[in-house]
Protein backbone atom coordinates (compact mmCIF):
# COMPACT_ATOMS: atom_id res chain seq x y z
CA MET A 1 34.17 5.22 -5.22
CA ASN A 2 31.01 6.54 -6.91
CA LYS A 3 32.26 9.96 -6.76
CA PHE A 4 35.66 8.95 -8.13
CA LEU A 5 34.01 7.23 -10.94
CA ASP A 6 31.76 10.15 -11.75
CA ALA A 7 34.92 12.49 -11.79
CA VAL A 8 36.70 10.32 -14.07
CA LYS A 9 33.92 9.96 -16.37
CA VAL A 10 33.50 13.91 -16.38
CA ALA A 11 37.30 14.24 -17.25
CA LEU A 12 37.05 11.50 -20.12
CA SER A 13 33.88 13.44 -21.48
CA SER A 14 35.98 16.68 -21.46
CA VAL A 15 38.82 14.96 -23.16
CA TRP A 16 36.59 13.57 -26.28
CA THR A 17 34.82 17.04 -26.23
CA ASN A 18 37.89 19.08 -26.28
CA LYS A 19 40.26 17.03 -28.23
CA LEU A 20 43.09 19.57 -28.94
CA ARG A 21 42.95 21.41 -25.75
CA SER A 22 43.36 17.96 -24.10
CA PHE A 23 46.22 16.91 -26.32
CA MET A 24 48.04 20.09 -25.73
CA MET A 25 47.34 19.66 -21.78
CA VAL A 26 49.09 16.32 -21.73
CA LEU A 27 51.70 16.71 -24.26
CA GLY A 28 54.32 17.56 -21.82
CA ASN A 29 53.35 14.33 -19.71
CA VAL A 30 53.45 12.21 -23.08
CA VAL A 31 56.96 13.44 -23.98
CA ALA A 32 58.42 12.94 -20.37
CA VAL A 33 57.03 9.28 -19.94
CA THR A 34 57.99 8.35 -23.58
CA SER A 35 61.82 9.72 -22.70
CA ILE A 36 61.68 7.81 -19.21
CA ILE A 37 60.58 4.46 -20.85
CA ALA A 38 62.82 4.62 -23.53
CA VAL A 39 66.01 5.77 -21.61
CA VAL A 40 65.54 3.21 -18.98
CA SER A 41 64.76 0.46 -21.62
CA LEU A 42 67.90 1.39 -23.65
CA ILE A 43 70.14 1.93 -20.76
CA ARG A 44 69.11 -1.55 -19.04
CA GLY A 45 69.63 -3.24 -22.33
CA MET A 46 72.89 -1.86 -22.75
CA ASP A 47 73.84 -2.83 -19.31
CA THR A 48 73.13 -6.34 -20.10
CA TYR A 49 74.57 -6.12 -23.60
CA VAL A 50 77.84 -4.49 -22.40
CA SER A 51 78.26 -6.77 -19.52
CA ASN A 52 77.87 -9.99 -21.68
CA ALA A 53 80.53 -8.24 -23.94
CA ILE A 54 82.94 -7.87 -21.39
CA ILE A 55 82.73 -10.98 -19.91
CA GLY A 56 82.96 -12.56 -23.33
CA GLU A 57 86.40 -10.36 -23.97
CA VAL A 58 87.79 -10.67 -20.40
CA GLY A 59 86.47 -13.84 -19.39
CA ALA A 60 84.34 -15.08 -16.26
CA GLY A 61 86.34 -16.14 -13.19
CA THR A 62 89.57 -14.71 -14.85
CA PHE A 63 91.43 -11.48 -14.86
CA ARG A 64 93.99 -10.05 -17.08
CA VAL A 65 97.46 -8.58 -16.67
CA GLU A 66 98.32 -5.72 -18.98
CA ARG A 67 101.05 -3.15 -19.81
CA VAL A 68 98.75 -0.11 -19.23
CA GLY A 69 95.53 -1.67 -17.23
CA PHE A 70 92.47 0.42 -16.65
CA VAL A 71 92.68 4.11 -17.56
CA THR A 72 90.01 6.91 -18.22
CA SER A 73 91.77 9.23 -20.27
CA GLU A 74 94.34 9.12 -23.21
CA GLU A 75 96.96 11.18 -21.15
CA GLU A 76 96.94 8.62 -18.67
CA GLU A 77 97.11 5.81 -21.16
CA GLN A 78 100.41 7.64 -22.57
CA ARG A 79 101.99 8.24 -19.19
CA ALA A 80 101.47 4.40 -18.46
CA ARG A 81 103.23 3.40 -21.56
CA ARG A 82 105.94 5.60 -20.91
CA ARG A 83 106.47 4.30 -17.33
CA ASN A 84 105.55 0.58 -17.80
CA PRO A 85 107.95 -2.06 -19.32
CA VAL A 86 106.23 -4.57 -21.96
CA ILE A 87 104.90 -7.82 -20.71
CA THR A 88 106.73 -10.71 -21.67
CA THR A 89 106.84 -14.51 -21.59
CA LYS A 90 109.12 -13.95 -18.64
CA ASP A 91 106.32 -12.38 -16.74
CA MET A 92 103.94 -14.99 -17.72
CA ARG A 93 106.46 -17.88 -16.37
CA ALA A 94 106.84 -15.96 -12.96
CA ILE A 95 103.29 -15.92 -12.52
CA SER A 96 102.75 -19.72 -13.28
CA GLU A 97 105.65 -20.80 -11.06
CA PHE A 98 104.82 -18.56 -7.93
CA SER A 99 101.21 -19.24 -7.12
CA GLY A 100 99.44 -22.25 -6.38
CA ASN A 101 96.27 -20.30 -6.73
CA VAL A 102 96.94 -20.08 -10.46
CA GLU A 103 95.59 -22.84 -12.75
CA ALA A 104 96.61 -21.48 -16.07
CA VAL A 105 98.22 -18.40 -17.64
CA MET A 106 97.67 -17.50 -21.42
CA ALA A 107 99.75 -14.98 -23.10
CA GLU A 108 98.26 -13.47 -26.32
CA MET A 109 98.95 -10.86 -28.84
CA SER A 110 97.07 -9.58 -31.96
CA SER A 111 97.52 -7.31 -34.88
CA GLY A 112 95.51 -7.00 -38.29
CA ALA A 113 97.00 -8.58 -41.36
CA ASP A 114 95.72 -9.94 -44.91
CA VAL A 115 94.53 -13.42 -44.91
CA SER A 116 94.41 -15.00 -48.50
CA PHE A 117 93.08 -18.52 -49.94
CA GLY A 118 93.56 -18.88 -53.55
CA GLU A 119 92.31 -15.68 -55.15
CA THR A 120 90.40 -14.46 -52.16
CA THR A 121 91.94 -11.84 -49.69
CA LEU A 122 90.72 -10.82 -46.55
CA GLU A 123 92.21 -7.39 -45.34
CA GLY A 124 92.97 -6.41 -41.87
CA THR A 125 91.85 -9.64 -40.58
CA GLN A 126 92.64 -9.91 -36.66
CA ILE A 127 95.49 -12.31 -36.15
CA ARG A 128 95.72 -13.71 -32.56
CA GLY A 129 98.82 -15.46 -31.21
CA VAL A 130 98.24 -17.54 -28.37
CA SER A 131 100.31 -19.49 -25.86
CA PRO A 132 99.85 -23.26 -25.01
CA ASP A 133 97.57 -22.65 -21.95
CA TYR A 134 95.07 -20.82 -24.15
CA ALA A 135 92.86 -23.67 -24.29
CA GLU A 136 91.79 -23.44 -20.54
CA PHE A 137 90.10 -20.10 -21.44
CA SER A 138 86.84 -19.59 -23.02
CA GLY A 139 86.08 -18.37 -26.52
CA PHE A 140 88.28 -20.94 -28.55
CA ASP A 141 85.89 -23.87 -28.74
CA ALA A 142 85.75 -25.08 -32.24
CA ASP A 143 82.33 -25.67 -34.20
CA VAL A 144 83.98 -27.55 -37.05
CA GLY A 145 87.32 -29.50 -36.72
CA ARG A 146 89.33 -28.83 -33.44
CA ILE A 147 91.60 -26.10 -31.97
CA PRO A 148 95.41 -26.42 -32.31
CA SER A 149 96.62 -29.04 -29.73
CA ARG A 150 98.99 -27.55 -26.87
CA LEU A 151 102.02 -29.43 -28.75
CA GLU A 152 101.56 -27.76 -31.79
CA VAL A 153 101.08 -24.34 -29.94
CA GLU A 154 104.45 -25.15 -27.95
CA ARG A 155 106.14 -25.96 -31.22
CA SER A 156 104.79 -23.24 -33.27
CA ARG A 157 103.56 -25.34 -35.88
CA PRO A 158 101.63 -23.34 -38.78
CA VAL A 159 98.28 -24.24 -37.89
CA ALA A 160 95.22 -21.97 -37.45
CA LEU A 161 91.66 -21.79 -35.86
CA LEU A 162 89.42 -19.50 -37.99
CA GLY A 163 86.61 -17.33 -36.75
CA ALA A 164 83.32 -18.29 -38.44
CA ASP A 165 83.04 -15.16 -40.56
CA THR A 166 86.59 -15.39 -41.64
CA ALA A 167 86.00 -19.22 -42.87
CA GLU A 168 82.90 -18.32 -44.63
CA ASN A 169 84.35 -15.29 -46.47
CA LEU A 170 87.50 -17.27 -47.45
CA PHE A 171 86.04 -20.50 -48.56
CA LYS A 172 82.51 -19.48 -49.59
CA GLY A 173 80.68 -22.85 -48.62
CA ARG A 174 83.62 -25.45 -49.14
CA ASN A 175 85.05 -27.42 -46.40
CA PRO A 176 87.77 -25.37 -44.65
CA LEU A 177 89.47 -28.16 -42.95
CA ASP A 178 93.09 -29.01 -43.93
CA GLN A 179 93.23 -26.09 -46.55
CA ILE A 180 96.30 -24.03 -46.36
CA ILE A 181 95.62 -20.15 -46.08
CA ARG A 182 98.36 -17.38 -46.15
CA ILE A 183 98.93 -14.94 -43.67
CA ARG A 184 101.52 -12.27 -44.65
CA ASN A 185 102.71 -14.77 -47.30
CA THR A 186 103.43 -17.49 -44.42
CA HIS A 187 101.22 -20.63 -44.75
CA PHE A 188 99.18 -21.97 -42.25
CA ARG A 189 97.00 -25.26 -42.38
CA VAL A 190 93.32 -24.82 -40.97
CA VAL A 191 92.55 -27.22 -38.12
CA GLY A 192 89.05 -25.84 -37.11
CA VAL A 193 86.52 -22.99 -37.18
CA ALA A 194 85.54 -21.57 -33.98
CA GLU A 195 81.96 -21.18 -32.55
CA LYS A 196 79.99 -18.03 -33.90
CA LYS A 197 79.97 -15.17 -31.33
CA GLY A 198 78.10 -12.87 -33.55
CA SER A 199 78.85 -8.96 -33.21
CA VAL A 200 79.06 -6.17 -30.62
CA PHE A 201 77.77 -2.63 -31.51
CA GLY A 202 77.59 -4.15 -35.26
CA ASN A 203 81.17 -5.23 -35.34
CA SER A 204 81.43 -8.88 -36.14
CA GLN A 205 83.52 -10.86 -33.25
CA ASP A 206 83.95 -13.57 -35.90
CA GLU A 207 86.46 -12.39 -38.03
CA PHE A 208 89.85 -13.58 -36.60
CA ALA A 209 92.45 -16.51 -37.00
CA VAL A 210 94.10 -17.95 -33.99
CA ILE A 211 97.54 -19.25 -34.54
CA PRO A 212 100.69 -20.03 -31.84
CA LEU A 213 102.27 -17.16 -30.26
CA GLY A 214 105.78 -18.46 -31.77
CA SER A 215 104.46 -18.12 -35.34
CA PHE A 216 102.81 -14.96 -34.56
CA ASN A 217 106.24 -13.51 -33.36
CA LYS A 218 108.15 -14.63 -36.67
CA ILE A 219 105.61 -13.06 -38.72
CA PHE A 220 104.91 -9.62 -36.85
CA GLY A 221 108.22 -9.70 -34.27
CA ALA A 222 108.42 -10.34 -30.70
CA ARG A 223 108.87 -6.62 -29.21
CA TRP A 224 105.37 -6.10 -28.70
CA SER A 225 103.49 -6.20 -25.17
CA LEU A 226 101.79 -9.48 -24.25
CA SER A 227 98.33 -9.53 -22.78
CA LEU A 228 98.14 -12.08 -19.94
CA SER A 229 94.93 -13.94 -19.14
CA VAL A 230 95.15 -15.75 -15.68
CA LYS A 231 92.77 -18.43 -14.43
CA PRO A 232 92.60 -19.22 -10.72
CA VAL A 233 92.28 -22.97 -9.39
CA ASP A 234 88.86 -21.74 -8.28
CA PRO A 235 86.78 -18.55 -8.55
CA ALA A 236 86.36 -18.29 -4.93
CA VAL A 237 90.37 -17.45 -4.42
CA MET A 238 90.10 -14.87 -7.33
CA THR A 239 91.52 -12.07 -4.96
CA ALA A 240 94.14 -14.50 -3.69
CA ALA A 241 95.50 -15.26 -7.12
CA MET A 242 95.39 -11.40 -8.23
CA GLU A 243 97.38 -10.67 -4.80
CA ASP A 244 100.02 -13.72 -5.65
CA THR A 245 100.20 -12.49 -9.26
CA ARG A 246 101.10 -9.00 -8.05
CA VAL A 247 103.67 -10.11 -6.23
CA ALA A 248 105.22 -12.41 -8.60
CA LEU A 249 105.37 -9.40 -11.10
CA ARG A 250 106.79 -7.19 -8.31
CA ILE A 251 109.73 -9.83 -7.74
CA GLN A 252 110.16 -10.48 -11.40
CA ARG A 253 110.63 -6.84 -12.09
CA HIS A 254 112.51 -6.00 -9.07
CA LEU A 255 110.44 -3.30 -7.42
CA GLY A 256 111.02 -1.98 -3.97
CA PRO A 257 108.42 -1.82 -1.22
CA LYS A 258 107.71 2.12 -2.18
CA ASP A 259 107.71 1.41 -5.95
CA ASP A 260 104.34 1.77 -7.80
CA ASP A 261 103.37 -1.44 -9.84
CA ASN A 262 104.59 -0.86 -13.69
CA PHE A 263 101.60 -3.21 -14.65
CA GLY A 264 97.96 -3.15 -14.65
CA MET A 265 95.24 -5.82 -13.71
CA LEU A 266 91.60 -5.99 -14.17
CA THR A 267 88.78 -8.19 -14.03
CA SER A 268 85.37 -8.08 -15.83
CA ASP A 269 83.91 -6.78 -12.69
CA THR A 270 86.04 -3.89 -12.87
CA LEU A 271 84.90 -2.91 -16.47
CA ILE A 272 81.24 -3.75 -15.71
CA SER A 273 81.23 -1.40 -12.46
CA PHE A 274 82.75 1.51 -14.46
CA TRP A 275 80.29 0.92 -17.26
CA ARG A 276 77.27 1.04 -14.92
CA SER A 277 78.42 4.15 -12.99
CA PHE A 278 78.79 5.74 -16.32
CA SER A 279 75.29 4.58 -17.49
CA ALA A 280 73.85 5.60 -14.10
CA GLY A 281 75.44 9.18 -14.60
CA ILE A 282 73.71 9.46 -18.12
CA PHE A 283 70.47 8.07 -16.54
CA ALA A 284 70.59 11.14 -13.90
CA VAL A 285 71.34 13.67 -16.25
CA LEU A 286 68.52 12.56 -18.72
CA LEU A 287 66.12 11.98 -16.01
CA GLY A 288 66.77 15.60 -14.67
CA ILE A 289 66.12 16.92 -18.42
CA VAL A 290 62.81 14.75 -18.44
CA SER A 291 61.93 16.22 -15.07
CA LEU A 292 61.88 19.75 -16.82
CA SER A 293 59.33 18.29 -19.22
CA LEU A 294 56.99 17.28 -16.47
CA VAL A 295 57.15 20.67 -14.81
CA VAL A 296 56.25 22.36 -18.17
CA GLY A 297 53.47 19.87 -18.75
CA GLY A 298 52.31 20.56 -14.99
CA ILE A 299 52.18 24.25 -15.54
CA VAL A 300 50.26 23.81 -18.60
CA ILE A 301 47.90 21.34 -16.82
CA MET A 302 47.47 24.14 -14.12
CA ASN A 303 46.73 26.89 -16.64
CA ILE A 304 44.10 24.51 -18.62
CA MET A 305 42.48 23.67 -15.37
CA LEU A 306 42.29 27.09 -14.30
CA MET A 307 40.61 27.92 -17.59
CA VAL A 308 38.17 25.01 -17.03
CA VAL A 309 37.39 26.29 -13.52
CA SER A 310 36.43 29.35 -15.28
CA GLU A 311 34.35 27.91 -17.89
CA ARG A 312 32.38 25.96 -15.22
CA THR A 313 32.10 28.52 -12.58
CA ARG A 314 28.26 28.67 -13.05
CA GLU A 315 28.33 24.83 -12.78
CA ILE A 316 30.36 24.89 -9.46
CA GLY A 317 28.23 27.55 -8.01
CA LEU A 318 25.11 25.55 -8.77
CA ARG A 319 26.65 22.26 -7.04
CA LYS A 320 27.73 24.31 -4.00
CA ALA A 321 24.20 25.87 -3.90
CA LEU A 322 22.75 22.38 -3.88
CA GLY A 323 24.82 21.20 -1.05
CA ALA A 324 28.10 20.16 -2.21
CA ARG A 325 30.90 20.74 0.05
CA ARG A 326 34.16 22.53 -0.40
CA ARG A 327 36.16 19.21 -0.23
CA ASP A 328 33.72 17.59 -2.97
CA ILE A 329 34.69 20.41 -5.35
CA MET A 330 38.49 20.08 -4.69
CA TRP A 331 38.08 16.18 -5.13
CA GLN A 332 36.28 16.72 -8.67
CA ILE A 333 38.70 19.20 -9.96
CA LEU A 334 41.80 17.10 -8.60
CA THR A 335 40.53 13.84 -10.12
CA GLU A 336 39.90 15.46 -13.27
CA SER A 337 43.39 16.77 -13.49
CA THR A 338 45.05 13.61 -12.56
CA THR A 339 43.09 11.57 -14.84
CA LEU A 340 44.00 13.67 -17.79
CA SER A 341 47.56 13.59 -16.65
CA MET A 342 47.54 9.76 -16.27
CA ILE A 343 46.07 9.71 -20.01
CA GLY A 344 49.40 11.47 -21.03
CA GLY A 345 51.27 8.92 -18.82
CA LEU A 346 49.45 5.82 -20.56
CA ILE A 347 49.84 7.36 -24.19
CA GLY A 348 53.77 8.04 -23.29
CA THR A 349 54.08 4.59 -21.85
CA GLY A 350 53.02 3.01 -25.35
CA LEU A 351 55.31 5.56 -27.25
CA GLY A 352 58.23 4.77 -25.12
CA PHE A 353 58.00 0.82 -25.87
CA ALA A 354 57.50 1.60 -29.29
CA LEU A 355 60.51 3.81 -29.54
CA ALA A 356 62.64 1.55 -27.70
CA PHE A 357 61.85 -1.43 -29.76
CA ALA A 358 62.16 0.57 -33.03
CA ILE A 359 65.73 1.73 -31.93
CA GLU A 360 66.37 -2.06 -31.27
CA ALA A 361 64.99 -3.20 -34.62
CA PHE A 362 67.23 -0.59 -36.58
CA SER A 363 70.29 -0.37 -34.76
CA PRO A 364 72.63 -2.94 -32.68
CA VAL A 365 71.66 -1.11 -29.43
CA PRO A 366 69.33 -3.57 -27.47
CA ALA A 367 66.48 -2.57 -25.40
CA SER A 368 65.09 -4.21 -22.06
CA ILE A 369 61.60 -3.44 -20.56
CA GLU A 370 61.80 -2.63 -17.13
CA THR A 371 58.24 -2.74 -15.14
CA TRP A 372 59.52 -0.45 -12.41
CA SER A 373 60.09 2.38 -15.24
CA VAL A 374 56.41 1.95 -15.97
CA ALA A 375 55.50 2.43 -12.55
CA LEU A 376 57.96 5.46 -12.24
CA GLY A 377 56.50 6.98 -15.40
CA LEU A 378 52.96 6.84 -14.09
CA GLY A 379 53.69 7.52 -10.58
CA MET A 380 55.36 10.88 -11.70
CA THR A 381 52.26 11.96 -14.14
CA SER A 382 49.84 11.27 -11.17
CA THR A 383 51.99 13.43 -8.92
CA VAL A 384 52.19 16.13 -11.48
CA GLY A 385 48.49 15.75 -11.94
CA LEU A 386 47.45 16.20 -8.18
CA PHE A 387 50.36 18.85 -7.51
CA PHE A 388 49.54 21.25 -10.33
CA GLY A 389 45.88 20.69 -10.15
CA LEU A 390 45.88 21.47 -6.52
CA TYR A 391 45.61 25.26 -7.15
CA PRO A 392 42.65 25.39 -9.64
CA ALA A 393 40.91 22.93 -7.34
CA MET A 394 41.34 25.20 -4.19
CA ARG A 395 40.25 28.22 -6.35
CA ALA A 396 37.19 26.37 -7.65
CA ALA A 397 36.49 24.98 -4.01
CA SER A 398 36.93 28.67 -2.63
CA LEU A 399 34.01 30.21 -5.19
CA ASP A 400 31.05 31.75 -3.36
CA PRO A 401 28.24 30.10 -4.72
CA ILE A 402 25.91 33.27 -5.09
CA GLU A 403 28.86 35.26 -7.35
CA ALA A 404 29.48 32.02 -9.29
CA LEU A 405 25.58 31.92 -9.98
CA ARG A 406 25.60 35.48 -11.14
CA ARG A 407 28.20 34.99 -13.80
CA GLU A 408 27.36 34.52 -17.65
């Protein structure tokens, strides 16, 4: 232990004496570890952020039925739209009546439109038309007032539930309840304001108005494809409910045994799994790039340690003449190279944290510090220090003490 501490003191003394050389020596490791910490923090933060956003959109314990479903390219989407008929309320009723595993089915359609109150007009507000079962799904709770009742939705009454930002921008501090707003010159009475949801990637999730689906159809037309949200009676029967839904739709659409499904189904887990596979691919590529920085940094360490060995040839010769063994010399050089490499790792760790939090502070991208990324960064730098310090250490240990003492 004393030998190790002595070697560390020598390494730190060398750092202090040769500041610029030491900085150049560890620069590659600093860049590599900074990148590792920042990338891992941002990707893990994004994983949590995107997962929460997907669950908020699709819903936990529910699944969606859509005309296209989950696609990964524009070409695939266009092909599905040409092949698949629109989702209608007949499909919704077929699912509700077929399966005992399904508790509720909500049909939804959305479009952008101007919303007005008095002299104030909000352009491009998202208008969401919903069917009576919408109250069984998350995301429609009222913070002020109430949500439209089932009877109001069934009878297409002109009532609306506003998003928090829509209500604030329209009424500017006034009480929005029972006020009359205009959506494409059609009047609606405000019955409630939804709970604030915040934003996703800087885009507000609170700029919307929820109205009955029948009222939506009167304004925008009924030829659009619906999106169906299906809620099983219990999350444990999710798979059975999805299979029942698939059978109900195939019967409703008169599909034969050999015909492909002409509709899409997805759950939040499907989208989350796709995102995590995507982010894992990004991480693997970035880790490969970072590894190149470590290799370059390791080569720099090896070259500088060779120079250090050359500068200290007489010192090494004197130590060997006084009885230092070959392994003692190797241990000293390896400890010095590893210590210097670890210093670069520690500096990179601090800079990685600072970079991740700076990005989080000045952008909508979140960060999440992972302790294993710190261990990975420091472990990689110590390995680099050992590996690339091995050749200089072996060269120092092989010096002939007599020849070494002769050198000036």
